[in-house]
Amino acid sequence: MKITEKEVRHVAELANLALTEEEVQRMVRDLDGILEHMDKLNELDTSGVEPMAQYLADSGPFDTLREDAAGQSFSSETALANAPLSGSGHFKVPKVIER
């Protein structure tokens, strides 16, 4: 076992998650399975494979990507017009992290 309960609990605490004992055990199994799979992938010889940033399938007329072009943008006043709270040209949101 590569992932311990202690590590799962630590990450859950960092993520502010309250996990039950059953969830902790399931996470240990699932994460351990992922790492085992990664170990199998690391056994592959990739020395002749050229690195790439991303894979784009040649889908012809059904391409889902478009040219990156500048479009119309909103002014700060327009963007903030319907905001429940705003100030100094920014959205104001409730605090979400409490510790």
Protein backbone atom coordinates (compact mmCIF):
# COMPACT_ATOMS: atom_id res chain seq x y z
CA MET A 1 0.00 0.00 0.00
CA LYS A 2 1.52 3.29 -1.11
CA ILE A 3 -1.08 5.68 0.29
CA THR A 4 -1.67 5.61 4.01
CA GLU A 5 -4.75 6.56 5.98
CA LYS A 6 -2.70 9.30 7.58
CA GLU A 7 -1.95 10.84 4.18
CA VAL A 8 -5.60 10.64 3.09
CA ARG A 9 -6.72 12.30 6.32
CA HIS A 10 -4.07 15.01 5.92
CA VAL A 11 -5.17 15.84 2.36
CA ALA A 12 -8.82 15.77 3.43
CA GLU A 13 -8.03 18.24 6.20
CA LEU A 14 -6.19 20.52 3.76
CA ALA A 15 -9.22 20.38 1.45
CA ASN A 16 -11.51 21.04 4.42
CA LEU A 17 -13.35 17.73 3.87
CA ALA A 18 -14.96 15.69 6.61
CA LEU A 19 -14.56 12.06 5.54
CA THR A 20 -16.19 9.11 7.27
CA GLU A 21 -14.10 6.06 8.14
CA GLU A 22 -15.64 4.24 5.16
CA GLU A 23 -14.72 7.10 2.81
CA VAL A 24 -11.15 7.15 4.10
CA GLN A 25 -10.80 3.41 3.42
CA ARG A 26 -12.29 3.80 -0.07
CA MET A 27 -9.95 6.71 -0.86
CA VAL A 28 -6.94 4.68 0.29
CA ARG A 29 -7.98 1.82 -2.06
CA ASP A 30 -8.81 4.11 -5.00
CA LEU A 31 -5.69 6.26 -4.75
CA ASP A 32 -3.52 3.20 -4.27
CA GLY A 33 -5.04 1.69 -7.43
CA ILE A 34 -4.26 4.86 -9.37
CA LEU A 35 -0.64 4.79 -8.22
CA GLU A 36 -0.33 1.11 -9.15
CA HIS A 37 -1.61 1.94 -12.63
CA MET A 38 0.91 4.80 -12.90
CA ASP A 39 3.69 2.36 -11.94
CA LYS A 40 2.63 0.09 -14.82
CA LEU A 41 2.69 3.06 -17.20
CA ASN A 42 6.16 4.03 -15.97
CA GLU A 43 7.42 0.59 -17.01
CA LEU A 44 6.81 1.44 -20.68
CA ASP A 45 9.79 2.37 -22.82
CA THR A 46 9.03 5.86 -24.10
CA SER A 47 12.60 6.76 -25.09
CA GLY A 48 11.65 6.94 -28.80
CA VAL A 49 8.48 8.95 -28.24
CA GLU A 50 8.65 12.66 -28.92
CA PRO A 51 7.22 14.83 -26.10
CA MET A 52 4.09 16.83 -26.86
CA ALA A 53 2.05 19.43 -25.06
CA GLN A 54 -1.32 18.17 -26.25
CA TYR A 55 -2.92 15.88 -28.77
CA LEU A 56 -5.24 17.31 -31.40
CA ALA A 57 -7.15 14.74 -33.43
CA ASP A 58 -7.46 15.47 -37.12
CA SER A 59 -11.24 15.78 -37.20
CA GLY A 60 -11.57 17.92 -40.34
CA PRO A 61 -14.80 19.88 -40.60
CA PHE A 62 -15.79 18.93 -37.06
CA ASP A 63 -12.89 20.69 -35.34
CA THR A 64 -13.96 22.01 -31.97
CA LEU A 65 -11.16 24.56 -31.73
CA ARG A 66 -11.39 28.03 -33.19
CA GLU A 67 -8.89 30.74 -33.91
CA ASP A 68 -8.08 32.84 -30.88
CA ALA A 69 -9.35 36.29 -31.71
CA ALA A 70 -10.04 39.33 -29.57
CA GLY A 71 -13.72 40.08 -29.18
CA GLN A 72 -15.88 42.70 -27.60
CA SER A 73 -15.25 43.14 -23.90
CA PHE A 74 -17.34 44.67 -21.14
CA SER A 75 -16.51 47.79 -19.21
CA SER A 76 -16.10 47.38 -15.46
CA GLU A 77 -19.38 49.19 -14.90
CA THR A 78 -21.27 46.83 -17.22
CA ALA A 79 -19.68 43.73 -15.72
CA LEU A 80 -20.52 44.85 -12.18
CA ALA A 81 -24.00 46.20 -12.97
CA ASN A 82 -25.88 43.15 -11.61
CA ALA A 83 -23.40 42.14 -8.92
CA PRO A 84 -25.00 41.84 -5.48
CA LEU A 85 -21.89 43.42 -3.93
CA SER A 86 -19.11 45.38 -5.57
CA GLY A 87 -16.52 47.96 -4.67
CA SER A 88 -13.37 49.54 -6.06
CA GLY A 89 -14.15 48.06 -9.47
CA HIS A 90 -14.27 44.45 -8.19
CA PHE A 91 -16.83 41.81 -7.27
CA LYS A 92 -17.18 41.32 -3.54
CA VAL A 93 -17.89 37.76 -2.42
CA PRO A 94 -18.55 36.15 0.97
CA LYS A 95 -15.62 34.63 2.77
CA VAL A 96 -15.45 30.91 1.96
CA ILE A 97 -12.44 29.75 3.97
CA GLU A 98 -12.91 29.74 7.70
CA ARG A 99 -10.26 28.43 10.05
